[in-house]
C-alpha atoms as a PDB file:
ATOM      1  CA  MET A   1     -26.486  27.651-100.598  1.00  0.00           C
ATOM      2  CA  THR A   2     -26.677  27.633 -96.446  1.00  0.00           C
ATOM      3  CA  THR A   3     -25.565  31.444 -95.259  1.00  0.00           C
ATOM      4  CA  VAL A   4     -25.158  32.195 -91.550  1.00  0.00           C
ATOM      5  CA  SER A   5     -23.886  35.654 -90.956  1.00  0.00           C
ATOM      6  CA  SER A   6     -23.000  36.900 -87.311  1.00  0.00           C
ATOM      7  CA  ALA A   7     -21.829  39.920 -86.500  1.00  0.00           C
ATOM      8  CA  THR A   8     -21.934  39.989 -82.764  1.00  0.00           C
ATOM      9  CA  SER A   9     -18.558  37.880 -81.900  1.00  0.00           C
ATOM     10  CA  SER A  10     -16.140  40.493 -83.569  1.00  0.00           C
ATOM     11  CA  SER A  11     -17.354  43.543 -81.888  1.00  0.00           C
ATOM     12  CA  ALA A  12     -17.205  42.051 -78.730  1.00  0.00           C
ATOM     13  CA  GLN A  13     -13.501  41.092 -79.211  1.00  0.00           C
ATOM     14  CA  SER A  14     -13.003  44.374 -80.315  1.00  0.00           C
ATOM     15  CA  GLY A  15     -14.115  46.069 -77.415  1.00  0.00           C
ATOM     16  CA  ALA A  16     -11.582  43.798 -75.271  1.00  0.00           C
ATOM     17  CA  ALA A  17      -8.667  44.158 -77.774  1.00  0.00           C
ATOM     18  CA  ASN A  18      -9.463  48.538 -77.495  1.00  0.00           C
ATOM     19  CA  SER A  19      -9.809  48.419 -73.770  1.00  0.00           C
ATOM     20  CA  SER A  20      -5.827  45.870 -73.706  1.00  0.00           C
ATOM     21  CA  SER A  21      -4.084  48.603 -76.395  1.00  0.00           C
ATOM     22  CA  GLY A  22      -5.120  51.621 -74.147  1.00  0.00           C
ATOM     23  CA  LEU A  23      -4.043  49.842 -70.640  1.00  0.00           C
ATOM     24  CA  ILE A  24      -0.841  48.802 -71.889  1.00  0.00           C
ATOM     25  CA  ALA A  25      -0.340  52.458 -73.178  1.00  0.00           C
ATOM     26  CA  ASN A  26      -1.282  54.272 -69.798  1.00  0.00           C
ATOM     27  CA  TYR A  27       0.871  51.450 -68.192  1.00  0.00           C
ATOM     28  CA  GLU A  28       3.466  52.639 -70.083  1.00  0.00           C
ATOM     29  CA  LEU A  29       3.572  56.072 -69.386  1.00  0.00           C
ATOM     30  CA  PHE A  30       2.753  55.443 -65.499  1.00  0.00           C
ATOM     31  CA  LEU A  31       6.101  53.465 -65.259  1.00  0.00           C
ATOM     32  CA  THR A  32       7.797  56.248 -67.446  1.00  0.00           C
ATOM     33  CA  ILE A  33       6.596  58.585 -64.834  1.00  0.00           C
ATOM     34  CA  LEU A  34       7.669  56.794 -62.001  1.00  0.00           C
ATOM     35  CA  THR A  35      10.799  56.090 -62.752  1.00  0.00           C
ATOM     36  CA  THR A  36      11.311  59.690 -63.502  1.00  0.00           C
ATOM     37  CA  GLN A  37      10.114  60.096 -59.641  1.00  0.00           C
ATOM     38  CA  ILE A  38      12.357  58.192 -58.380  1.00  0.00           C
ATOM     39  CA  GLN A  39      15.301  59.069 -60.435  1.00  0.00           C
ATOM     40  CA  ASN A  40      14.649  62.720 -59.510  1.00  0.00           C
ATOM     41  CA  GLN A  41      13.200  62.280 -56.028  1.00  0.00           C
ATOM     42  CA  ASP A  42      14.457  64.132 -52.815  1.00  0.00           C
ATOM     43  CA  PRO A  43      16.671  62.029 -51.133  1.00  0.00           C
ATOM     44  CA  LEU A  44      16.006  64.161 -47.608  1.00  0.00           C
ATOM     45  CA  ASP A  45      12.239  63.572 -48.531  1.00  0.00           C
ATOM     46  CA  PRO A  46      11.486  60.276 -50.570  1.00  0.00           C
ATOM     47  CA  LEU A  47       8.382  59.420 -52.012  1.00  0.00           C
ATOM     48  CA  ASP A  48       6.448  56.815 -50.701  1.00  0.00           C
ATOM     49  CA  SER A  49       7.657  53.431 -51.799  1.00  0.00           C
ATOM     50  CA  ALA A  50       3.894  51.687 -50.251  1.00  0.00           C
ATOM     51  CA  GLU A  51       2.173  53.916 -52.548  1.00  0.00           C
ATOM     52  CA  TYR A  52       3.915  52.772 -55.812  1.00  0.00           C
ATOM     53  CA  THR A  53       3.302  49.242 -54.731  1.00  0.00           C
ATOM     54  CA  ASN A  54      -0.358  50.106 -54.342  1.00  0.00           C
ATOM     55  CA  GLN A  55      -0.464  51.505 -57.930  1.00  0.00           C
ATOM     56  CA  LEU A  56       1.128  49.100 -59.431  1.00  0.00           C
ATOM     57  CA  VAL A  57      -1.623  46.417 -57.790  1.00  0.00           C
ATOM     58  CA  GLN A  58      -4.230  48.615 -59.127  1.00  0.00           C
ATOM     59  CA  TYR A  59      -3.056  48.488 -62.421  1.00  0.00           C
ATOM     60  CA  SER A  60      -2.251  44.868 -62.314  1.00  0.00           C
ATOM     61  CA  ASN A  61      -5.944  44.395 -61.062  1.00  0.00           C
ATOM     62  CA  VAL A  62      -7.326  46.252 -64.312  1.00  0.00           C
ATOM     63  CA  GLU A  63      -4.948  44.104 -66.306  1.00  0.00           C
ATOM     64  CA  GLN A  64      -6.208  41.090 -64.892  1.00  0.00           C
ATOM     65  CA  SER A  65     -10.047  42.206 -65.481  1.00  0.00           C
ATOM     66  CA  ILE A  66      -9.731  42.858 -69.092  1.00  0.00           C
ATOM     67  CA  LYS A  67      -8.341  39.546 -69.501  1.00  0.00           C
ATOM     68  CA  GLN A  68     -10.985  37.324 -67.969  1.00  0.00           C
ATOM     69  CA  ASN A  69     -13.311  39.853 -70.253  1.00  0.00           C
ATOM     70  CA  GLN A  70     -11.303  38.885 -73.142  1.00  0.00           C
ATOM     71  CA  ASN A  71     -11.357  35.135 -72.031  1.00  0.00           C
ATOM     72  CA  LEU A  72     -15.288  35.602 -71.510  1.00  0.00           C
ATOM     73  CA  GLU A  73     -15.701  37.399 -74.748  1.00  0.00           C
ATOM     74  CA  ASP A  74     -13.897  34.019 -76.847  1.00  0.00           C
ATOM     75  CA  ILE A  75     -16.288  32.017 -74.781  1.00  0.00           C
ATOM     76  CA  ILE A  76     -19.479  33.974 -75.845  1.00  0.00           C
ATOM     77  CA  ALA A  77     -18.205  34.051 -79.294  1.00  0.00           C
ATOM     78  CA  THR A  78     -17.746  30.301 -79.127  1.00  0.00           C
ATOM     79  CA  LEU A  79     -21.312  29.403 -77.864  1.00  0.00           C
ATOM     80  CA  GLN A  80     -22.708  31.791 -80.123  1.00  0.00           C
ATOM     81  CA  SER A  81     -21.164  30.336 -83.514  1.00  0.00           C
ATOM     82  CA  SER A  82     -22.121  26.746 -82.220  1.00  0.00           C
ATOM     83  CA  GLN A  83     -25.611  28.290 -81.856  1.00  0.00           C
ATOM     84  CA  SER A  84     -25.192  29.210 -85.297  1.00  0.00           C
ATOM     85  CA  LEU A  85     -24.915  26.220 -86.705  1.00  0.00           C
ATOM     86  CA  SER A  86     -27.312  24.496 -84.789  1.00  0.00           C
ATOM     87  CA  TYR A  87     -29.771  27.068 -86.703  1.00  0.00           C
ATOM     88  CA  VAL A  88     -28.537  25.375 -90.015  1.00  0.00           C
ATOM     89  CA  SER A  89     -30.689  22.486 -89.016  1.00  0.00           C
ATOM     90  CA  TYR A  90     -33.754  24.487 -90.017  1.00  0.00           C
ATOM     91  CA  VAL A  91     -32.516  24.476 -93.467  1.00  0.00           C
ATOM     92  CA  GLY A  92     -34.758  22.327 -95.835  1.00  0.00           C
ATOM     93  CA  ASN A  93     -37.344  21.883 -93.165  1.00  0.00           C
ATOM     94  CA  GLU A  94     -40.854  22.874 -92.798  1.00  0.00           C
ATOM     95  CA  VAL A  95     -41.685  25.386 -89.962  1.00  0.00           C
ATOM     96  CA  THR A  96     -44.617  27.224 -88.632  1.00  0.00           C
ATOM     97  CA  ALA A  97     -44.133  30.453 -86.853  1.00  0.00           C
ATOM     98  CA  ASP A  98     -46.556  33.186 -85.503  1.00  0.00           C
ATOM     99  CA  ALA A  99     -47.333  35.308 -88.250  1.00  0.00           C
ATOM    100  CA  SER A 100     -50.361  37.243 -90.463  1.00  0.00           C
ATOM    101  CA  THR A 101     -48.056  37.596 -93.465  1.00  0.00           C
ATOM    102  CA  THR A 102     -48.172  34.829 -96.131  1.00  0.00           C
ATOM    103  CA  THR A 103     -46.963  34.235-100.025  1.00  0.00           C
ATOM    104  CA  LEU A 104     -49.578  34.202-103.009  1.00  0.00           C
ATOM    105  CA  THR A 105     -47.956  31.635-105.307  1.00  0.00           C
ATOM    106  CA  GLY A 106     -50.281  30.332-107.980  1.00  0.00           C
ATOM    107  CA  SER A 107     -53.443  31.648-106.874  1.00  0.00           C
ATOM    108  CA  GLN A 108     -52.951  30.112-103.471  1.00  0.00           C
ATOM    109  CA  ALA A 109     -52.191  31.180-100.020  1.00  0.00           C
ATOM    110  CA  SER A 110     -53.266  30.165 -96.573  1.00  0.00           C
ATOM    111  CA  TRP A 111     -53.259  30.789 -93.236  1.00  0.00           C
ATOM    112  CA  SER A 112     -53.919  28.574 -90.248  1.00  0.00           C
ATOM    113  CA  TYR A 113     -55.602  30.086 -87.465  1.00  0.00           C
ATOM    114  CA  ASP A 114     -56.711  29.484 -83.983  1.00  0.00           C
ATOM    115  CA  ILE A 115     -59.342  31.152 -81.554  1.00  0.00           C
ATOM    116  CA  THR A 116     -60.697  30.795 -78.223  1.00  0.00           C
ATOM    117  CA  GLU A 117     -64.216  31.035 -78.739  1.00  0.00           C
ATOM    118  CA  GLU A 118     -66.996  31.138 -81.523  1.00  0.00           C
ATOM    119  CA  ALA A 119     -66.983  34.551 -82.963  1.00  0.00           C
ATOM    120  CA  SER A 120     -68.051  36.567 -86.121  1.00  0.00           C
ATOM    121  CA  GLY A 121     -66.595  39.617 -87.684  1.00  0.00           C
ATOM    122  CA  SER A 122     -64.819  40.624 -90.621  1.00  0.00           C
ATOM    123  CA  PHE A 123     -61.453  40.052 -92.222  1.00  0.00           C
ATOM    124  CA  GLU A 124     -58.946  42.216 -94.382  1.00  0.00           C
ATOM    125  CA  ILE A 125     -56.320  40.857 -96.476  1.00  0.00           C
ATOM    126  CA  ARG A 126     -53.691  43.750 -97.779  1.00  0.00           C
ATOM    127  CA  ASN A 127     -51.043  44.025-100.078  1.00  0.00           C
ATOM    128  CA  SER A 128     -47.160  44.402 -99.409  1.00  0.00           C
ATOM    129  CA  SER A 129     -48.122  48.270 -99.542  1.00  0.00           C
ATOM    130  CA  GLY A 130     -50.619  48.111 -97.220  1.00  0.00           C
ATOM    131  CA  ALA A 131     -53.750  48.185 -99.305  1.00  0.00           C
ATOM    132  CA  VAL A 132     -56.775  46.240 -98.721  1.00  0.00           C
ATOM    133  CA  VAL A 133     -56.946  44.423-101.845  1.00  0.00           C
ATOM    134  CA  TYR A 134     -59.868  41.709-100.327  1.00  0.00           C
ATOM    135  CA  SER A 135     -62.264  41.716 -97.681  1.00  0.00           C
ATOM    136  CA  GLY A 136     -65.782  40.166 -96.259  1.00  0.00           C
ATOM    137  CA  ASP A 137     -67.726  38.773 -93.003  1.00  0.00           C
ATOM    138  CA  ILE A 138     -66.985  36.097 -91.757  1.00  0.00           C
ATOM    139  CA  GLU A 139     -67.535  33.243 -88.884  1.00  0.00           C
ATOM    140  CA  LEU A 140     -65.220  31.405 -87.149  1.00  0.00           C
ATOM    141  CA  ASP A 141     -65.992  28.027 -84.873  1.00  0.00           C
ATOM    142  CA  ALA A 142     -63.724  27.599 -81.768  1.00  0.00           C
ATOM    143  CA  GLY A 143     -60.691  26.180 -82.340  1.00  0.00           C
ATOM    144  CA  SER A 144     -58.212  25.599 -84.765  1.00  0.00           C
ATOM    145  CA  GLY A 145     -58.774  25.873 -88.521  1.00  0.00           C
ATOM    146  CA  THR A 146     -57.694  27.276 -91.832  1.00  0.00           C
ATOM    147  CA  PHE A 147     -58.328  30.400 -94.231  1.00  0.00           C
ATOM    148  CA  ASN A 148     -57.763  29.460 -97.920  1.00  0.00           C
ATOM    149  CA  TRP A 149     -57.674  32.773-100.617  1.00  0.00           C
ATOM    150  CA  ASP A 150     -57.232  31.829-104.128  1.00  0.00           C
ATOM    151  CA  GLY A 151     -56.303  35.385-104.906  1.00  0.00           C
ATOM    152  CA  ARG A 152     -59.032  36.931-106.059  1.00  0.00           C
ATOM    153  CA  THR A 153     -59.532  40.506-105.386  1.00  0.00           C
ATOM    154  CA  ASP A 154     -62.543  42.573-104.167  1.00  0.00           C
ATOM    155  CA  SER A 155     -62.575  43.914-107.594  1.00  0.00           C
ATOM    156  CA  GLY A 156     -62.936  40.308-109.119  1.00  0.00           C
ATOM    157  CA  GLN A 157     -58.961  40.890-110.626  1.00  0.00           C
ATOM    158  CA  GLN A 158     -56.422  38.460-109.886  1.00  0.00           C
ATOM    159  CA  ALA A 159     -54.042  39.451-107.189  1.00  0.00           C
ATOM    160  CA  VAL A 160     -50.396  38.880-108.370  1.00  0.00           C
ATOM    161  CA  ASP A 161     -47.858  36.706-106.649  1.00  0.00           C
ATOM    162  CA  GLY A 162     -46.221  37.841-103.236  1.00  0.00           C
ATOM    163  CA  LEU A 163     -46.552  38.957 -99.799  1.00  0.00           C
ATOM    164  CA  TYR A 164     -49.981  39.569 -98.528  1.00  0.00           C
ATOM    165  CA  THR A 165     -51.141  39.865 -94.540  1.00  0.00           C
ATOM    166  CA  ILE A 166     -54.407  39.275 -93.050  1.00  0.00           C
ATOM    167  CA  SER A 167     -56.262  40.697 -90.084  1.00  0.00           C
ATOM    168  CA  PHE A 168     -59.887  39.974 -88.198  1.00  0.00           C
ATOM    169  CA  ASP A 169     -62.423  42.148 -86.174  1.00  0.00           C
ATOM    170  CA  MET A 170     -64.098  39.258 -84.607  1.00  0.00           C
ATOM    171  CA  LYS A 171     -66.588  39.929 -81.190  1.00  0.00           C
ATOM    172  CA  ASP A 172     -68.217  36.662 -79.641  1.00  0.00           C
ATOM    173  CA  ALA A 173     -71.913  36.454 -78.617  1.00  0.00           C
ATOM    174  CA  ASN A 174     -71.472  38.832 -75.963  1.00  0.00           C
ATOM    175  CA  SER A 175     -70.172  41.005 -78.012  1.00  0.00           C
ATOM    176  CA  ARG A 176     -66.824  40.846 -76.814  1.00  0.00           C
ATOM    177  CA  PRO A 177     -63.446  41.373 -78.703  1.00  0.00           C
ATOM    178  CA  GLU A 178     -62.038  37.433 -79.788  1.00  0.00           C
ATOM    179  CA  THR A 179     -58.242  38.025 -80.990  1.00  0.00           C
ATOM    180  CA  VAL A 180     -57.505  35.352 -83.980  1.00  0.00           C
ATOM    181  CA  ARG A 181     -54.225  34.067 -83.687  1.00  0.00           C
ATOM    182  CA  THR A 182     -52.861  33.483 -87.482  1.00  0.00           C
ATOM    183  CA  THR A 183     -49.469  31.201 -88.249  1.00  0.00           C
ATOM    184  CA  VAL A 184     -48.115  30.386 -91.267  1.00  0.00           C
ATOM    185  CA  SER A 185     -45.608  27.545 -92.955  1.00  0.00           C
ATOM    186  CA  GLY A 186     -42.982  27.118 -95.504  1.00  0.00           C
ATOM    187  CA  ILE A 187     -39.448  25.661 -96.240  1.00  0.00           C
ATOM    188  CA  VAL A 188     -36.529  27.469 -94.777  1.00  0.00           C
ATOM    189  CA  ASP A 189     -34.254  28.447 -97.522  1.00  0.00           C
ATOM    190  CA  ARG A 190     -31.696  30.453 -95.282  1.00  0.00           C
ATOM    191  CA  VAL A 191     -30.681  31.541 -92.059  1.00  0.00           C
ATOM    192  CA  ASP A 192     -29.256  34.647 -91.765  1.00  0.00           C
ATOM    193  CA  TRP A 193     -27.970  35.790 -88.246  1.00  0.00           C
ATOM    194  CA  SER A 194     -26.692  39.372 -88.900  1.00  0.00           C
ATOM    195  CA  SER A 195     -29.059  41.475 -87.072  1.00  0.00           C
ATOM    196  CA  GLY A 196     -27.610  39.604 -84.070  1.00  0.00           C
ATOM    197  CA  GLU A 197     -30.873  37.404 -83.748  1.00  0.00           C
ATOM    198  CA  ALA A 198     -31.569  34.249 -85.904  1.00  0.00           C
ATOM    199  CA  VAL A 199     -33.804  35.298 -88.911  1.00  0.00           C
ATOM    200  CA  LEU A 200     -35.193  32.337 -90.890  1.00  0.00           C
ATOM    201  CA  LYS A 201     -35.714  32.890 -94.467  1.00  0.00           C
ATOM    202  CA  VAL A 202     -38.859  31.223 -96.204  1.00  0.00           C
ATOM    203  CA  GLY A 203     -39.325  32.652 -99.374  1.00  0.00           C
ATOM    204  CA  ASP A 204     -39.546  36.173 -99.493  1.00  0.00           C
ATOM    205  CA  GLN A 205     -40.307  36.228 -95.650  1.00  0.00           C
ATOM    206  CA  ASP A 206     -38.453  36.409 -92.616  1.00  0.00           C
ATOM    207  CA  PHE A 207     -39.101  34.428 -89.466  1.00  0.00           C
ATOM    208  CA  PRO A 208     -37.217  35.067 -86.196  1.00  0.00           C
ATOM    209  CA  VAL A 209     -36.458  31.926 -84.642  1.00  0.00           C
ATOM    210  CA  SER A 210     -38.278  33.512 -81.175  1.00  0.00           C
ATOM    211  CA  SER A 211     -41.710  32.772 -83.553  1.00  0.00           C
ATOM    212  CA  VAL A 212     -41.299  29.349 -84.714  1.00  0.00           C
ATOM    213  CA  THR A 213     -43.776  27.338 -82.923  1.00  0.00           C
ATOM    214  CA  ALA A 214     -43.229  23.862 -85.017  1.00  0.00           C
ATOM    215  CA  VAL A 215     -40.584  22.256 -87.167  1.00  0.00           C
ATOM    216  CA  SER A 216     -41.248  19.076 -89.504  1.00  0.00           C
ATOM    217  CA  ARG A 217     -39.878  17.329 -92.157  1.00  0.00           C
ATOM    218  CA  PRO A 218     -41.769  18.344 -95.631  1.00  0.00           C
ATOM    219  CA  SER A 219     -44.091  15.492 -96.782  1.00  0.00           C
END
């Protein structure tokens, strides 16, 4: 089932509604006071009608501004809704995203990586609790590749299925640190918009749309 949640448009619209209701209440109060002043003014020293007009114009300008804001908020809400619907196209497709966490399933987990220079160093794989379950030394050639893990831990046991995060500590031939960029892939199950940003749900993993680097039909 595909779900797309949104929590932004309603809050924006409620802000304009509150401003509008507050203006109406204040405007009615102003008219009551103004009418009372006119009824009880000193005929020999009448109140300045130009000042009345000026205040009315100011209230009118504020009212117009709130109406313009309401129109803009309606437009923004419509655009957000259209954008949310566009993310539905991700569902059922395979995405590749910048991430270091992937899912171990059936003794198989893999990370794609990219490194600028040939480097050597070490790696660690941690479970969802942050504990290191597998580590070792490694050498990586410059360019792209895939790191595969069969789920075996340092103690020789088989790790349970779940989320695991990999990290690298690498240096090039001149002992300068080298960054390893990792990406993971998976089929999108649903889209969640409740945080205000579209988040793609791939199994137990969350991929912000901003982290997605490629989208393709599953093979």
